[in-house]
Amino acid sequence: MSLIDSRNGADSREAQRAAGERSEAAVERAEPSGAPDPELVERPRRRRFSAEYKLRIVREADACTKLGEIGALLRREGLYSSLLTEWRRARDAGALEALARPRGRVPAHPLESENAELRRRAERAETELAKAKRVIEVQGNVSALLGELLEPRGATKSTER
């Protein structure tokens, strides 16, 4: 086998290796101390900043007066200048104050919830009334049928005197 053929074989093995699988060189370099392998990188997570944090950073940046203080602030916090610009625009538009409000639905007015409860109770009472009316109607029909069945068949009212 020539040198070219052996290289092609190695390249094809590298190409066939599954994603996340370590190469032979990485296995040889792996330390027994349990240190993470730099070849396998975890999926990065997007950072999320609260409205309070954004406002604090914008206020600190606005308070900076000396040359280089804003850069030092951004380096200390691990932020980009574009984030600071975006947060300033949001603050000026009033969006950061809106973000500071708690998320979720606005709690209903107590009278509205009481009104809804009373409507449910009235609907249940109407349903029960309709059932009771049907039961009374069925009982009346059963009573009439039993009265006809129990009446003697031969007994007819005679008009003779």
Protein backbone atom coordinates (compact mmCIF):
# COMPACT_ATOMS: atom_id res chain seq x y z
CA MET A 1 0.00 0.00 0.00
CA SER A 2 1.39 3.39 -0.94
CA LEU A 3 1.62 6.46 1.22
CA ILE A 4 -1.22 8.13 -0.69
CA ASP A 5 -3.53 5.15 -0.20
CA SER A 6 -2.87 5.07 3.54
CA ARG A 7 -3.64 8.78 3.83
CA ASN A 8 -6.94 8.37 1.97
CA GLY A 9 -7.86 5.54 4.33
CA ALA A 10 -7.15 7.73 7.37
CA ASP A 11 -9.15 10.63 5.90
CA SER A 12 -12.12 8.42 5.21
CA ARG A 13 -12.02 7.12 8.78
CA GLU A 14 -11.96 10.71 10.05
CA ALA A 15 -14.89 11.57 7.80
CA GLN A 16 -16.87 8.55 9.02
CA ARG A 17 -16.34 9.41 12.69
CA ALA A 18 -19.58 10.43 14.38
CA ALA A 19 -20.02 13.95 15.66
CA GLY A 20 -18.88 14.24 19.27
CA GLU A 21 -16.56 11.23 19.01
CA ARG A 22 -12.96 11.85 19.98
CA SER A 23 -10.06 11.36 17.61
CA GLU A 24 -7.27 8.93 18.45
CA ALA A 25 -4.92 11.85 19.16
CA ALA A 26 -7.40 13.32 21.62
CA VAL A 27 -7.72 9.97 23.40
CA GLU A 28 -3.94 9.84 23.78
CA ARG A 29 -3.88 13.42 25.14
CA ALA A 30 -6.69 12.84 27.62
CA GLU A 31 -5.55 13.34 31.17
CA PRO A 32 -6.50 10.80 33.82
CA SER A 33 -7.24 13.65 36.25
CA GLY A 34 -10.74 14.02 34.79
CA ALA A 35 -10.15 17.41 33.18
CA PRO A 36 -12.65 18.14 30.41
CA ASP A 37 -11.48 17.43 26.89
CA PRO A 38 -11.20 20.67 24.92
CA GLU A 39 -12.17 18.87 21.72
CA LEU A 40 -15.71 18.26 23.00
CA VAL A 41 -17.38 21.60 23.59
CA GLU A 42 -20.69 21.95 25.36
CA ARG A 43 -23.39 23.77 23.52
CA PRO A 44 -23.20 27.46 24.46
CA ARG A 45 -26.16 28.99 26.25
CA ARG A 46 -27.55 32.41 25.50
CA ARG A 47 -27.15 34.79 28.39
CA ARG A 48 -30.25 36.46 29.81
CA PHE A 49 -30.16 39.73 31.69
CA SER A 50 -32.87 40.98 34.03
CA ALA A 51 -34.34 44.46 33.63
CA GLU A 52 -32.84 45.48 36.98
CA TYR A 53 -29.37 44.42 35.85
CA LYS A 54 -29.72 46.29 32.55
CA LEU A 55 -30.84 49.47 34.31
CA ARG A 56 -27.98 49.22 36.82
CA ILE A 57 -25.38 48.85 34.07
CA VAL A 58 -26.86 51.73 32.04
CA ARG A 59 -26.86 53.97 35.13
CA GLU A 60 -23.25 53.01 35.93
CA ALA A 61 -22.24 53.74 32.33
CA ASP A 62 -24.00 57.11 32.42
CA ALA A 63 -22.16 57.95 35.63
CA CYS A 64 -18.75 57.29 34.01
CA THR A 65 -16.96 60.59 33.31
CA LYS A 66 -13.32 59.65 32.76
CA LEU A 67 -11.87 58.26 29.57
CA GLY A 68 -11.86 54.45 29.56
CA GLU A 69 -14.25 53.94 32.48
CA ILE A 70 -17.03 52.62 30.27
CA GLY A 71 -14.63 50.16 28.65
CA ALA A 72 -13.48 48.98 32.05
CA LEU A 73 -17.12 48.54 33.13
CA LEU A 74 -17.93 46.51 30.02
CA ARG A 75 -14.83 44.32 30.46
CA ARG A 76 -15.61 43.77 34.14
CA GLU A 77 -19.17 42.67 33.33
CA GLY A 78 -18.24 40.76 30.15
CA LEU A 79 -20.53 42.84 27.93
CA TYR A 80 -20.31 44.31 24.45
CA SER A 81 -20.76 48.00 23.72
CA SER A 82 -23.62 47.13 21.36
CA LEU A 83 -25.59 45.75 24.33
CA LEU A 84 -25.09 49.00 26.20
CA THR A 85 -26.34 50.95 23.17
CA GLU A 86 -29.36 48.68 22.81
CA TRP A 87 -30.18 48.93 26.52
CA ARG A 88 -29.93 52.74 26.42
CA ARG A 89 -32.38 52.86 23.51
CA ALA A 90 -34.76 50.55 25.36
CA ARG A 91 -34.50 52.72 28.48
CA ASP A 92 -35.20 55.88 26.49
CA ALA A 93 -38.23 54.20 24.90
CA GLY A 94 -39.49 53.13 28.34
CA ALA A 95 -39.21 49.43 27.54
CA LEU A 96 -36.99 48.53 30.50
CA GLU A 97 -39.54 49.83 32.98
CA ALA A 98 -42.17 47.72 31.24
CA LEU A 99 -39.92 44.67 31.53
CA ALA A 100 -39.54 45.24 35.26
CA ARG A 101 -43.26 44.56 35.78
CA PRO A 102 -44.11 40.99 36.77
CA ARG A 103 -44.91 38.63 33.95
CA GLY A 104 -48.23 36.88 33.47
CA ARG A 105 -51.83 37.90 33.48
CA VAL A 106 -53.06 40.93 35.31
CA PRO A 107 -55.06 39.69 38.32
CA ALA A 108 -58.80 39.98 37.77
CA HIS A 109 -60.82 42.49 39.74
CA PRO A 110 -62.49 40.82 42.77
CA LEU A 111 -65.96 41.82 41.59
CA GLU A 112 -65.37 40.18 38.21
CA SER A 113 -64.34 36.89 39.82
CA GLU A 114 -67.35 37.04 42.17
CA ASN A 115 -69.63 37.77 39.21
CA ALA A 116 -68.24 34.77 37.31
CA GLU A 117 -68.77 32.52 40.34
CA LEU A 118 -72.37 33.68 40.75
CA ARG A 119 -73.04 33.04 37.06
CA ARG A 120 -71.69 29.48 37.39
CA ARG A 121 -73.87 28.87 40.43
CA ALA A 122 -76.96 30.23 38.65
CA GLU A 123 -76.27 28.02 35.63
CA ARG A 124 -75.91 24.95 37.88
CA ALA A 125 -79.19 25.82 39.65
CA GLU A 126 -80.99 26.18 36.31
CA THR A 127 -79.65 22.79 35.20
CA GLU A 128 -80.86 21.18 38.44
CA LEU A 129 -84.28 22.84 38.04
CA ALA A 130 -84.62 21.48 34.50
CA LYS A 131 -83.76 17.97 35.79
CA ALA A 132 -86.30 18.28 38.59
CA LYS A 133 -89.02 19.35 36.12
CA ARG A 134 -88.30 16.33 33.92
CA VAL A 135 -88.43 13.99 36.94
CA ILE A 136 -91.80 15.46 38.00
CA GLU A 137 -93.14 15.08 34.46
CA VAL A 138 -91.99 11.43 34.30
CA GLN A 139 -93.51 10.74 37.71
CA GLY A 140 -96.83 12.21 36.55
CA ASN A 141 -96.78 10.03 33.43
CA VAL A 142 -95.95 6.92 35.50
CA SER A 143 -98.76 7.74 37.93
CA ALA A 144 -101.24 8.12 35.08
CA LEU A 145 -100.14 4.81 33.51
CA LEU A 146 -100.38 2.97 36.84
CA GLY A 147 -103.82 4.44 37.41
CA GLU A 148 -104.98 3.06 34.04
CA LEU A 149 -103.37 -0.33 34.65
CA LEU A 150 -104.81 -0.78 38.12
CA GLU A 151 -108.30 0.25 37.19
CA PRO A 152 -110.57 -2.83 36.91
CA ARG A 153 -111.30 -3.53 33.25
CA GLY A 154 -114.78 -4.78 33.71
CA ALA A 155 -115.83 -1.95 35.88
CA THR A 156 -117.54 0.62 33.86
CA LYS A 157 -119.83 3.21 35.09
CA SER A 158 -123.35 2.14 34.45
CA THR A 159 -126.07 4.56 33.83
CA GLU A 160 -128.79 2.13 34.80
CA ARG A 161 -130.95 2.79 37.80
